[in-house]
Protein backbone atom coordinates (compact mmCIF):
# COMPACT_ATOMS: atom_id res chain seq x y z
CA MET A 1 3.77 1.43 20.88
CA LEU A 2 2.74 4.67 22.55
CA GLY A 3 4.16 6.69 19.68
CA ILE A 4 2.28 4.64 17.15
CA SER A 5 -1.03 4.88 19.01
CA GLU A 6 -0.72 8.66 19.43
CA ARG A 7 -0.05 9.10 15.65
CA VAL A 8 -2.99 6.86 14.69
CA ALA A 9 -5.21 8.83 17.10
CA LEU A 10 -4.13 12.15 15.58
CA LEU A 11 -5.12 10.83 12.17
CA GLN A 12 -8.48 9.72 13.56
CA GLY A 13 -7.66 6.06 12.86
CA LYS A 14 -7.88 2.74 14.64
CA LEU A 15 -5.07 0.63 16.01
CA ARG A 16 -5.52 -3.02 16.85
CA LEU A 17 -2.93 -5.43 18.34
CA HIS A 18 -3.26 -9.18 17.87
CA ASN A 19 -1.12 -11.81 19.59
CA GLN A 20 -0.07 -14.44 17.08
CA PRO A 21 -0.01 -18.18 17.90
CA GLY A 22 3.57 -19.25 18.59
CA GLY A 23 4.63 -15.74 19.39
CA GLY A 24 4.79 -12.49 17.55
CA LEU A 25 2.44 -9.49 17.31
CA LEU A 26 0.31 -8.23 14.48
CA LEU A 27 -0.30 -4.49 14.38
CA GLU A 28 -3.45 -3.49 12.37
CA VAL A 29 -3.82 0.16 11.52
CA GLU A 30 -6.93 1.63 9.86
CA LEU A 31 -6.81 5.25 8.65
CA PRO A 32 -9.61 7.18 6.94
CA HIS A 33 -8.98 8.27 3.38
CA PRO A 34 -10.23 11.86 2.89
CA ARG A 35 -11.27 11.51 -0.75
CA ILE A 36 -13.18 8.22 -0.13
CA GLU A 37 -14.81 9.66 3.05
CA ALA A 38 -15.97 12.76 1.09
CA ALA A 39 -17.24 10.71 -1.83
CA THR A 40 -19.21 8.39 0.57
CA ALA A 41 -20.75 11.42 2.25
CA ASN A 42 -21.88 12.72 -1.14
CA GLY A 43 -23.29 9.32 -2.14
CA ARG A 44 -20.94 8.93 -5.08
CA TRP A 45 -18.98 6.04 -3.64
CA MET A 46 -20.93 2.99 -2.62
CA THR A 47 -19.60 -0.41 -1.58
CA GLY A 48 -21.28 -3.74 -1.01
């Protein structure tokens, strides 16, 4: 897990771990997408 969390941090992302009922583990990784980030900053990409 340490290797994964280090890589996610280097990419300025988020890592979440969720225990699943009945066992198991869910890894959720969120990484920024450079083109979407840039478009949002320029006001060209709006969601919602």
